[in-house]
PDB file of N, CA and C in Angstrom:
ATOM      1  N   UNK A   1     108.388 137.627 135.893  1.00  0.00           N
ATOM      2  CA  UNK A   1     109.693 137.459 136.428  1.00  0.00           C
ATOM      3  C   UNK A   1     110.120 137.860 137.700  1.00  0.00           C
ATOM      4  N   UNK A   2     110.099 136.839 138.494  1.00  0.00           N
ATOM      5  CA  UNK A   2     110.437 137.251 139.412  1.00  0.00           C
ATOM      6  C   UNK A   2     111.819 137.776 139.923  1.00  0.00           C
ATOM      7  N   UNK A   3     111.927 138.750 140.556  1.00  0.00           N
ATOM      8  CA  UNK A   3     113.651 139.126 141.031  1.00  0.00           C
ATOM      9  C   UNK A   3     114.004 138.346 142.049  1.00  0.00           C
ATOM     10  N   UNK A   4     115.244 138.024 142.249  1.00  0.00           N
ATOM     11  CA  UNK A   4     115.742 137.309 143.613  1.00  0.00           C
ATOM     12  C   UNK A   4     116.388 138.743 144.218  1.00  0.00           C
ATOM     13  N   UNK A   5     116.785 138.576 145.075  1.00  0.00           N
ATOM     14  CA  UNK A   5     117.552 139.646 146.128  1.00  0.00           C
ATOM     15  C   UNK A   5     119.057 139.328 145.850  1.00  0.00           C
ATOM     16  N   UNK A   6     119.578 140.376 145.982  1.00  0.00           N
ATOM     17  CA  UNK A   6     121.232 140.597 145.707  1.00  0.00           C
ATOM     18  C   UNK A   6     121.853 139.371 146.674  1.00  0.00           C
ATOM     19  N   UNK A   7     121.280 139.767 147.926  1.00  0.00           N
ATOM     20  CA  UNK A   7     121.567 139.012 149.356  1.00  0.00           C
ATOM     21  C   UNK A   7     121.763 137.341 148.878  1.00  0.00           C
ATOM     22  N   UNK A   8     120.603 137.338 148.419  1.00  0.00           N
ATOM     23  CA  UNK A   8     120.410 135.744 147.986  1.00  0.00           C
ATOM     24  C   UNK A   8     121.226 135.076 147.121  1.00  0.00           C
ATOM     25  N   UNK A   9     121.199 136.057 146.027  1.00  0.00           N
ATOM     26  CA  UNK A   9     122.469 135.785 144.968  1.00  0.00           C
ATOM     27  C   UNK A   9     123.700 135.092 145.552  1.00  0.00           C
ATOM     28  N   UNK A  10     124.105 136.252 146.006  1.00  0.00           N
ATOM     29  CA  UNK A  10     125.510 136.135 146.715  1.00  0.00           C
ATOM     30  C   UNK A  10     125.448 134.971 147.658  1.00  0.00           C
ATOM     31  N   UNK A  11     124.539 134.758 148.293  1.00  0.00           N
ATOM     32  CA  UNK A  11     125.168 133.452 149.569  1.00  0.00           C
ATOM     33  C   UNK A  11     124.837 132.351 148.500  1.00  0.00           C
ATOM     34  N   UNK A  12     124.372 131.919 147.167  1.00  0.00           N
ATOM     35  CA  UNK A  12     124.122 131.275 146.275  1.00  0.00           C
ATOM     36  C   UNK A  12     125.422 130.990 145.677  1.00  0.00           C
ATOM     37  N   UNK A  13     125.908 131.713 145.197  1.00  0.00           N
ATOM     38  CA  UNK A  13     127.295 131.958 144.415  1.00  0.00           C
ATOM     39  C   UNK A  13     128.401 131.693 145.510  1.00  0.00           C
ATOM     40  N   UNK A  14     128.307 132.217 146.632  1.00  0.00           N
ATOM     41  CA  UNK A  14     129.382 131.933 147.537  1.00  0.00           C
ATOM     42  C   UNK A  14     129.329 130.831 148.961  1.00  0.00           C
ATOM     43  N   UNK A  15     128.321 130.157 148.924  1.00  0.00           N
ATOM     44  CA  UNK A  15     128.139 129.536 149.541  1.00  0.00           C
ATOM     45  C   UNK A  15     128.820 128.122 149.392  1.00  0.00           C
ATOM     46  N   UNK A  16     129.204 127.645 148.645  1.00  0.00           N
ATOM     47  CA  UNK A  16     129.921 126.287 148.422  1.00  0.00           C
ATOM     48  C   UNK A  16     131.421 126.487 148.743  1.00  0.00           C
ATOM     49  N   UNK A  17     132.169 127.513 148.192  1.00  0.00           N
ATOM     50  CA  UNK A  17     133.549 127.875 148.462  1.00  0.00           C
ATOM     51  C   UNK A  17     133.663 128.340 149.901  1.00  0.00           C
ATOM     52  N   UNK A  18     132.589 128.911 150.486  1.00  0.00           N
ATOM     53  CA  UNK A  18     132.680 129.013 152.007  1.00  0.00           C
ATOM     54  C   UNK A  18     132.790 127.993 152.882  1.00  0.00           C
ATOM     55  N   UNK A  19     132.037 126.956 152.100  1.00  0.00           N
ATOM     56  CA  UNK A  19     132.017 125.758 152.763  1.00  0.00           C
ATOM     57  C   UNK A  19     133.278 125.017 152.849  1.00  0.00           C
ATOM     58  N   UNK A  20     133.937 125.016 151.699  1.00  0.00           N
ATOM     59  CA  UNK A  20     135.122 124.510 151.141  1.00  0.00           C
ATOM     60  C   UNK A  20     136.480 124.836 152.435  1.00  0.00           C
ATOM     61  N   UNK A  21     136.058 126.345 152.322  1.00  0.00           N
ATOM     62  CA  UNK A  21     137.239 127.138 152.979  1.00  0.00           C
ATOM     63  C   UNK A  21     137.165 126.884 154.337  1.00  0.00           C
ATOM     64  N   UNK A  22     135.451 126.788 154.887  1.00  0.00           N
ATOM     65  CA  UNK A  22     135.386 126.170 156.332  1.00  0.00           C
ATOM     66  C   UNK A  22     135.982 124.904 156.823  1.00  0.00           C
ATOM     67  N   UNK A  23     135.673 123.854 156.033  1.00  0.00           N
ATOM     68  CA  UNK A  23     136.118 122.449 155.719  1.00  0.00           C
ATOM     69  C   UNK A  23     137.938 122.305 155.724  1.00  0.00           C
ATOM     70  N   UNK A  24     138.516 123.185 154.701  1.00  0.00           N
ATOM     71  CA  UNK A  24     139.694 123.330 154.910  1.00  0.00           C
ATOM     72  C   UNK A  24     140.748 124.106 156.090  1.00  0.00           C
ATOM     73  N   UNK A  25     139.829 124.783 156.638  1.00  0.00           N
ATOM     74  CA  UNK A  25     140.320 125.424 157.843  1.00  0.00           C
ATOM     75  C   UNK A  25     140.458 124.682 158.892  1.00  0.00           C
ATOM     76  N   UNK A  26     139.053 123.834 159.237  1.00  0.00           N
ATOM     77  CA  UNK A  26     139.007 123.098 160.269  1.00  0.00           C
ATOM     78  C   UNK A  26     139.988 121.933 160.294  1.00  0.00           C
ATOM     79  N   UNK A  27     140.308 121.229 158.878  1.00  0.00           N
ATOM     80  CA  UNK A  27     141.203 120.050 159.139  1.00  0.00           C
ATOM     81  C   UNK A  27     142.638 120.799 158.968  1.00  0.00           C
ATOM     82  N   UNK A  28     143.018 121.963 158.608  1.00  0.00           N
ATOM     83  CA  UNK A  28     144.141 122.283 158.816  1.00  0.00           C
ATOM     84  C   UNK A  28     144.769 122.869 160.201  1.00  0.00           C
ATOM     85  N   UNK A  29     143.555 123.547 160.597  1.00  0.00           N
ATOM     86  CA  UNK A  29     143.902 123.691 162.402  1.00  0.00           C
ATOM     87  C   UNK A  29     144.014 122.540 162.686  1.00  0.00           C
ATOM     88  N   UNK A  30     143.507 121.323 162.653  1.00  0.00           N
ATOM     89  CA  UNK A  30     143.533 120.117 163.274  1.00  0.00           C
ATOM     90  C   UNK A  30     144.966 119.157 163.219  1.00  0.00           C
ATOM     91  N   UNK A  31     145.254 119.482 161.680  1.00  0.00           N
ATOM     92  CA  UNK A  31     146.573 118.835 161.500  1.00  0.00           C
ATOM     93  C   UNK A  31     147.722 119.568 162.397  1.00  0.00           C
ATOM     94  N   UNK A  32     147.516 120.699 162.500  1.00  0.00           N
ATOM     95  CA  UNK A  32     148.455 121.211 163.485  1.00  0.00           C
ATOM     96  C   UNK A  32     148.493 121.200 164.849  1.00  0.00           C
ATOM     97  N   UNK A  33     147.205 121.827 165.527  1.00  0.00           N
ATOM     98  CA  UNK A  33     147.427 121.407 167.006  1.00  0.00           C
ATOM     99  C   UNK A  33     146.121 120.730 167.237  1.00  0.00           C
ATOM    100  N   UNK A  34     145.691 119.693 166.563  1.00  0.00           N
ATOM    101  CA  UNK A  34     145.039 118.895 166.955  1.00  0.00           C
ATOM    102  C   UNK A  34     145.494 117.898 167.856  1.00  0.00           C
ATOM    103  N   UNK A  35     144.874 116.515 168.388  1.00  0.00           N
ATOM    104  CA  UNK A  35     145.534 115.781 169.446  1.00  0.00           C
ATOM    105  C   UNK A  35     146.572 114.919 168.432  1.00  0.00           C
ATOM    106  N   UNK A  36     146.541 114.857 167.587  1.00  0.00           N
ATOM    107  CA  UNK A  36     147.297 114.273 166.848  1.00  0.00           C
ATOM    108  C   UNK A  36     148.240 114.990 165.897  1.00  0.00           C
ATOM    109  N   UNK A  37     148.143 116.454 165.859  1.00  0.00           N
ATOM    110  CA  UNK A  37     148.897 116.908 165.173  1.00  0.00           C
ATOM    111  C   UNK A  37     150.324 117.375 165.095  1.00  0.00           C
ATOM    112  N   UNK A  38     151.035 118.223 164.724  1.00  0.00           N
ATOM    113  CA  UNK A  38     152.333 118.610 164.648  1.00  0.00           C
ATOM    114  C   UNK A  38     152.587 119.011 165.982  1.00  0.00           C
ATOM    115  N   UNK A  39     152.090 119.498 166.436  1.00  0.00           N
ATOM    116  CA  UNK A  39     152.359 120.066 168.125  1.00  0.00           C
ATOM    117  C   UNK A  39     152.564 118.921 168.953  1.00  0.00           C
ATOM    118  N   UNK A  40     151.456 118.310 169.114  1.00  0.00           N
ATOM    119  CA  UNK A  40     151.126 116.963 169.779  1.00  0.00           C
ATOM    120  C   UNK A  40     152.152 115.886 169.318  1.00  0.00           C
ATOM    121  N   UNK A  41     152.767 115.819 168.333  1.00  0.00           N
ATOM    122  CA  UNK A  41     153.684 114.703 167.832  1.00  0.00           C
ATOM    123  C   UNK A  41     155.155 115.266 168.910  1.00  0.00           C
ATOM    124  N   UNK A  42     155.545 116.249 168.469  1.00  0.00           N
ATOM    125  CA  UNK A  42     156.669 117.027 169.173  1.00  0.00           C
ATOM    126  C   UNK A  42     156.834 116.483 170.753  1.00  0.00           C
ATOM    127  N   UNK A  43     155.282 116.751 171.317  1.00  0.00           N
ATOM    128  CA  UNK A  43     155.484 116.970 172.833  1.00  0.00           C
ATOM    129  C   UNK A  43     155.281 115.139 173.077  1.00  0.00           C
ATOM    130  N   UNK A  44     154.934 114.411 172.188  1.00  0.00           N
ATOM    131  CA  UNK A  44     154.795 112.717 172.360  1.00  0.00           C
ATOM    132  C   UNK A  44     155.988 112.426 171.966  1.00  0.00           C
ATOM    133  N   UNK A  45     156.959 112.812 171.241  1.00  0.00           N
ATOM    134  CA  UNK A  45     158.141 112.406 170.971  1.00  0.00           C
ATOM    135  C   UNK A  45     159.287 112.996 172.419  1.00  0.00           C
ATOM    136  N   UNK A  46     159.048 113.890 172.932  1.00  0.00           N
ATOM    137  CA  UNK A  46     159.689 114.301 173.733  1.00  0.00           C
ATOM    138  C   UNK A  46     159.618 113.576 175.066  1.00  0.00           C
ATOM    139  N   UNK A  47     158.278 112.883 175.486  1.00  0.00           N
ATOM    140  CA  UNK A  47     157.745 112.112 176.495  1.00  0.00           C
ATOM    141  C   UNK A  47     158.227 110.680 175.940  1.00  0.00           C
ATOM    142  N   UNK A  48     158.396 110.162 174.852  1.00  0.00           N
ATOM    143  CA  UNK A  48     158.961 109.040 174.385  1.00  0.00           C
ATOM    144  C   UNK A  48     160.742 108.668 175.012  1.00  0.00           C
ATOM    145  N   UNK A  49     161.196 110.095 174.594  1.00  0.00           N
ATOM    146  CA  UNK A  49     162.500 109.844 175.109  1.00  0.00           C
ATOM    147  C   UNK A  49     162.899 110.081 176.469  1.00  0.00           C
ATOM    148  N   UNK A  50     161.474 110.596 177.141  1.00  0.00           N
ATOM    149  CA  UNK A  50     162.158 110.785 178.984  1.00  0.00           C
ATOM    150  C   UNK A  50     161.671 109.270 178.915  1.00  0.00           C
ATOM    151  N   UNK A  51     160.597 108.480 178.648  1.00  0.00           N
ATOM    152  CA  UNK A  51     160.262 106.931 178.824  1.00  0.00           C
ATOM    153  C   UNK A  51     161.306 106.126 178.992  1.00  0.00           C
ATOM    154  N   UNK A  52     161.976 106.500 177.188  1.00  0.00           N
ATOM    155  CA  UNK A  52     162.905 105.565 177.077  1.00  0.00           C
ATOM    156  C   UNK A  52     164.494 105.685 178.322  1.00  0.00           C
ATOM    157  N   UNK A  53     164.659 106.735 178.799  1.00  0.00           N
ATOM    158  CA  UNK A  53     165.613 106.965 179.784  1.00  0.00           C
ATOM    159  C   UNK A  53     165.200 106.010 181.208  1.00  0.00           C
ATOM    160  N   UNK A  54     164.073 106.597 181.555  1.00  0.00           N
ATOM    161  CA  UNK A  54     163.320 105.660 182.621  1.00  0.00           C
ATOM    162  C   UNK A  54     163.440 104.160 182.475  1.00  0.00           C
ATOM    163  N   UNK A  55     163.168 103.516 181.373  1.00  0.00           N
ATOM    164  CA  UNK A  55     162.930 102.313 180.844  1.00  0.00           C
ATOM    165  C   UNK A  55     164.577 101.598 180.915  1.00  0.00           C
ATOM    166  N   UNK A  56     165.551 102.452 180.369  1.00  0.00           N
ATOM    167  CA  UNK A  56     166.985 102.217 180.415  1.00  0.00           C
ATOM    168  C   UNK A  56     167.356 102.129 181.989  1.00  0.00           C
ATOM    169  N   UNK A  57     167.194 102.998 183.060  1.00  0.00           N
ATOM    170  CA  UNK A  57     167.059 102.578 184.362  1.00  0.00           C
ATOM    171  C   UNK A  57     166.399 101.523 184.992  1.00  0.00           C
ATOM    172  N   UNK A  58     165.242 101.222 184.556  1.00  0.00           N
ATOM    173  CA  UNK A  58     164.737 100.152 185.156  1.00  0.00           C
ATOM    174  C   UNK A  58     165.146  98.803 184.794  1.00  0.00           C
ATOM    175  N   UNK A  59     165.573  98.740 183.335  1.00  0.00           N
ATOM    176  CA  UNK A  59     166.497  97.457 182.589  1.00  0.00           C
ATOM    177  C   UNK A  59     167.506  97.352 183.547  1.00  0.00           C
ATOM    178  N   UNK A  60     168.300  98.363 183.848  1.00  0.00           N
ATOM    179  CA  UNK A  60     169.324  97.966 184.636  1.00  0.00           C
ATOM    180  C   UNK A  60     169.410  97.665 185.824  1.00  0.00           C
ATOM    181  N   UNK A  61     168.159  98.477 186.531  1.00  0.00           N
ATOM    182  CA  UNK A  61     167.549  97.770 187.713  1.00  0.00           C
ATOM    183  C   UNK A  61     167.532  96.530 187.837  1.00  0.00           C
ATOM    184  N   UNK A  62     166.756  95.942 187.280  1.00  0.00           N
ATOM    185  CA  UNK A  62     166.039  94.659 186.649  1.00  0.00           C
ATOM    186  C   UNK A  62     167.442  93.689 186.389  1.00  0.00           C
ATOM    187  N   UNK A  63     168.498  94.202 185.895  1.00  0.00           N
ATOM    188  CA  UNK A  63     169.388  93.048 185.195  1.00  0.00           C
ATOM    189  C   UNK A  63     170.440  92.971 187.119  1.00  0.00           C
ATOM    190  N   UNK A  64     170.386  94.035 187.774  1.00  0.00           N
ATOM    191  CA  UNK A  64     171.037  93.661 188.927  1.00  0.00           C
ATOM    192  C   UNK A  64     170.050  92.949 190.233  1.00  0.00           C
ATOM    193  N   UNK A  65     169.029  93.151 189.709  1.00  0.00           N
ATOM    194  CA  UNK A  65     168.036  92.238 190.954  1.00  0.00           C
ATOM    195  C   UNK A  65     168.224  90.614 190.272  1.00  0.00           C
ATOM    196  N   UNK A  66     168.087  90.610 189.051  1.00  0.00           N
ATOM    197  CA  UNK A  66     168.448  89.237 188.368  1.00  0.00           C
ATOM    198  C   UNK A  66     169.582  88.321 188.642  1.00  0.00           C
ATOM    199  N   UNK A  67     170.820  89.285 188.582  1.00  0.00           N
ATOM    200  CA  UNK A  67     171.840  89.020 189.292  1.00  0.00           C
ATOM    201  C   UNK A  67     171.915  88.322 190.333  1.00  0.00           C
ATOM    202  N   UNK A  68     171.369  89.457 191.645  1.00  0.00           N
ATOM    203  CA  UNK A  68     171.448  88.912 193.005  1.00  0.00           C
ATOM    204  C   UNK A  68     170.548  87.275 192.975  1.00  0.00           C
ATOM    205  N   UNK A  69     169.323  87.315 192.221  1.00  0.00           N
ATOM    206  CA  UNK A  69     168.267  86.149 192.428  1.00  0.00           C
ATOM    207  C   UNK A  69     169.417  85.038 191.957  1.00  0.00           C
ATOM    208  N   UNK A  70     169.980  85.044 190.735  1.00  0.00           N
ATOM    209  CA  UNK A  70     170.887  84.069 190.169  1.00  0.00           C
ATOM    210  C   UNK A  70     171.911  83.473 191.227  1.00  0.00           C
ATOM    211  N   UNK A  71     172.646  84.687 191.991  1.00  0.00           N
ATOM    212  CA  UNK A  71     173.409  84.027 193.072  1.00  0.00           C
ATOM    213  C   UNK A  71     172.806  83.364 194.115  1.00  0.00           C
ATOM    214  N   UNK A  72     171.752  83.433 194.536  1.00  0.00           N
ATOM    215  CA  UNK A  72     171.152  82.795 195.748  1.00  0.00           C
ATOM    216  C   UNK A  72     170.251  81.273 195.077  1.00  0.00           C
ATOM    217  N   UNK A  73     170.720  81.202 193.530  1.00  0.00           N
ATOM    218  CA  UNK A  73     169.456  80.206 193.288  1.00  0.00           C
ATOM    219  C   UNK A  73     170.377  78.850 193.744  1.00  0.00           C
ATOM    220  N   UNK A  74     169.396  78.040 194.833  1.00  0.00           N
ATOM    221  CA  UNK A  74     169.529  76.627 195.602  1.00  0.00           C
ATOM    222  C   UNK A  74     170.491  75.521 194.457  1.00  0.00           C
ATOM    223  N   UNK A  75     169.342  75.552 193.274  1.00  0.00           N
ATOM    224  CA  UNK A  75     169.940  74.416 192.186  1.00  0.00           C
ATOM    225  C   UNK A  75     171.613  74.395 191.966  1.00  0.00           C
ATOM    226  N   UNK A  76     172.016  75.645 191.758  1.00  0.00           N
ATOM    227  CA  UNK A  76     173.379  76.287 191.110  1.00  0.00           C
ATOM    228  C   UNK A  76     174.273  76.086 192.557  1.00  0.00           C
ATOM    229  N   UNK A  77     173.594  76.050 193.786  1.00  0.00           N
ATOM    230  CA  UNK A  77     174.425  76.427 194.823  1.00  0.00           C
ATOM    231  C   UNK A  77     174.627  78.151 195.226  1.00  0.00           C
ATOM    232  N   UNK A  78     174.258  78.478 196.100  1.00  0.00           N
ATOM    233  CA  UNK A  78     174.511  80.007 196.543  1.00  0.00           C
ATOM    234  C   UNK A  78     175.575  80.318 196.816  1.00  0.00           C
ATOM    235  N   UNK A  79     175.876  81.662 196.315  1.00  0.00           N
ATOM    236  CA  UNK A  79     176.973  82.222 196.429  1.00  0.00           C
ATOM    237  C   UNK A  79     177.492  82.472 198.071  1.00  0.00           C
ATOM    238  N   UNK A  80     178.387  81.951 198.487  1.00  0.00           N
ATOM    239  CA  UNK A  80     178.832  82.482 199.940  1.00  0.00           C
ATOM    240  C   UNK A  80     178.643  84.052 200.497  1.00  0.00           C
ATOM    241  N   UNK A  81     179.311  84.693 199.429  1.00  0.00           N
ATOM    242  CA  UNK A  81     179.425  86.253 199.534  1.00  0.00           C
ATOM    243  C   UNK A  81     177.908  86.530 199.689  1.00  0.00           C
ATOM    244  N   UNK A  82     176.969  86.539 198.965  1.00  0.00           N
ATOM    245  CA  UNK A  82     175.743  86.850 199.180  1.00  0.00           C
ATOM    246  C   UNK A  82     175.009  86.339 200.101  1.00  0.00           C
ATOM    247  N   UNK A  83     175.103  85.285 200.398  1.00  0.00           N
ATOM    248  CA  UNK A  83     174.254  84.715 202.006  1.00  0.00           C
ATOM    249  C   UNK A  83     174.511  85.479 203.095  1.00  0.00           C
ATOM    250  N   UNK A  84     176.258  85.407 203.050  1.00  0.00           N
ATOM    251  CA  UNK A  84     176.747  86.225 204.234  1.00  0.00           C
ATOM    252  C   UNK A  84     176.220  87.423 204.297  1.00  0.00           C
ATOM    253  N   UNK A  85     176.226  88.610 203.224  1.00  0.00           N
ATOM    254  CA  UNK A  85     175.747  89.829 203.331  1.00  0.00           C
ATOM    255  C   UNK A  85     174.240  89.888 203.406  1.00  0.00           C
ATOM    256  N   UNK A  86     172.969  88.717 203.113  1.00  0.00           N
ATOM    257  CA  UNK A  86     171.915  89.099 203.431  1.00  0.00           C
ATOM    258  C   UNK A  86     171.768  88.778 204.780  1.00  0.00           C
ATOM    259  N   UNK A  87     172.654  87.506 205.609  1.00  0.00           N
ATOM    260  CA  UNK A  87     172.444  87.259 206.752  1.00  0.00           C
ATOM    261  C   UNK A  87     172.496  88.460 207.464  1.00  0.00           C
ATOM    262  N   UNK A  88     173.934  88.848 207.641  1.00  0.00           N
ATOM    263  CA  UNK A  88     174.187  90.074 208.290  1.00  0.00           C
ATOM    264  C   UNK A  88     172.993  91.422 208.038  1.00  0.00           C
ATOM    265  N   UNK A  89     172.701  91.610 207.091  1.00  0.00           N
ATOM    266  CA  UNK A  89     171.759  92.822 207.192  1.00  0.00           C
ATOM    267  C   UNK A  89     170.298  92.537 207.597  1.00  0.00           C
ATOM    268  N   UNK A  90     170.034  90.793 207.748  1.00  0.00           N
ATOM    269  CA  UNK A  90     168.384  90.288 208.153  1.00  0.00           C
ATOM    270  C   UNK A  90     168.965  90.540 209.846  1.00  0.00           C
ATOM    271  N   UNK A  91     170.107  89.829 210.552  1.00  0.00           N
ATOM    272  CA  UNK A  91     170.532  90.074 211.778  1.00  0.00           C
ATOM    273  C   UNK A  91     170.899  91.282 212.272  1.00  0.00           C
ATOM    274  N   UNK A  92     171.159  92.366 211.465  1.00  0.00           N
ATOM    275  CA  UNK A  92     171.338  93.837 211.807  1.00  0.00           C
ATOM    276  C   UNK A  92     172.757  93.879 212.548  1.00  0.00           C
ATOM    277  N   UNK A  93     173.342  93.308 212.010  1.00  0.00           N
ATOM    278  CA  UNK A  93     175.098  93.231 212.153  1.00  0.00           C
ATOM    279  C   UNK A  93     175.952  93.897 211.216  1.00  0.00           C
ATOM    280  N   UNK A  94     175.419  94.401 210.275  1.00  0.00           N
ATOM    281  CA  UNK A  94     175.970  94.842 209.399  1.00  0.00           C
ATOM    282  C   UNK A  94     176.005  96.321 209.321  1.00  0.00           C
ATOM    283  N   UNK A  95     177.362  96.967 209.475  1.00  0.00           N
ATOM    284  CA  UNK A  95     177.325  98.353 209.450  1.00  0.00           C
ATOM    285  C   UNK A  95     177.480  99.211 208.139  1.00  0.00           C
ATOM    286  N   UNK A  96     177.251 100.373 207.974  1.00  0.00           N
ATOM    287  CA  UNK A  96     177.374 100.879 206.440  1.00  0.00           C
ATOM    288  C   UNK A  96     178.739 101.376 206.209  1.00  0.00           C
ATOM    289  N   UNK A  97     179.649 101.278 207.430  1.00  0.00           N
ATOM    290  CA  UNK A  97     180.903 101.755 206.858  1.00  0.00           C
ATOM    291  C   UNK A  97     182.279 100.520 206.841  1.00  0.00           C
ATOM    292  N   UNK A  98     181.097  99.227 206.731  1.00  0.00           N
ATOM    293  CA  UNK A  98     182.050  98.174 206.558  1.00  0.00           C
ATOM    294  C   UNK A  98     182.456  97.700 205.150  1.00  0.00           C
ATOM    295  N   UNK A  99     183.476  97.517 204.971  1.00  0.00           N
ATOM    296  CA  UNK A  99     184.333  97.212 203.466  1.00  0.00           C
ATOM    297  C   UNK A  99     184.082  95.381 203.611  1.00  0.00           C
ATOM    298  N   UNK A 100     184.181  94.614 202.846  1.00  0.00           N
ATOM    299  CA  UNK A 100     183.980  93.395 202.481  1.00  0.00           C
ATOM    300  C   UNK A 100     185.566  93.176 201.628  1.00  0.00           C
ATOM    301  N   UNK A 101     186.352  92.443 202.258  1.00  0.00           N
ATOM    302  CA  UNK A 101     187.619  92.248 201.418  1.00  0.00           C
ATOM    303  C   UNK A 101     187.798  90.464 200.966  1.00  0.00           C
ATOM    304  N   UNK A 102     187.704  90.111 200.010  1.00  0.00           N
ATOM    305  CA  UNK A 102     187.417  88.988 199.525  1.00  0.00           C
ATOM    306  C   UNK A 102     189.056  88.208 199.693  1.00  0.00           C
ATOM    307  N   UNK A 103     189.231  87.105 200.619  1.00  0.00           N
ATOM    308  CA  UNK A 103     190.173  86.444 200.694  1.00  0.00           C
ATOM    309  C   UNK A 103     190.672  85.484 199.352  1.00  0.00           C
ATOM    310  N   UNK A 104     191.669  85.535 198.522  1.00  0.00           N
ATOM    311  CA  UNK A 104     192.027  84.539 197.475  1.00  0.00           C
ATOM    312  C   UNK A 104     192.198  83.211 197.943  1.00  0.00           C
ATOM    313  N   UNK A 105     191.635  82.343 197.519  1.00  0.00           N
ATOM    314  CA  UNK A 105     192.136  80.852 197.922  1.00  0.00           C
ATOM    315  C   UNK A 105     192.817  80.177 196.796  1.00  0.00           C
TER     316      UNK A 105
END
């Protein structure tokens, strides 16, 4: 009868449980610290909140620009106040301290 060494016996008995522990440790580490883990999810949520604020500011700016374009639409007739404002800016006759007072008709 051949006798096996105690180290070889220990490796055979502990090999599978050690491999399982290593696999569980690997997946557990990635679940917490991996690219899609808990820590990364918190960072992504914070970045998403920041991007939502930026998107809201851009949407507001877009609405303002759309309103200005609509006021200059030649099909509906351009708004005289908007035309006057743009002409004065283009001809460089508008001053920063000017206040436009609309006359009631």
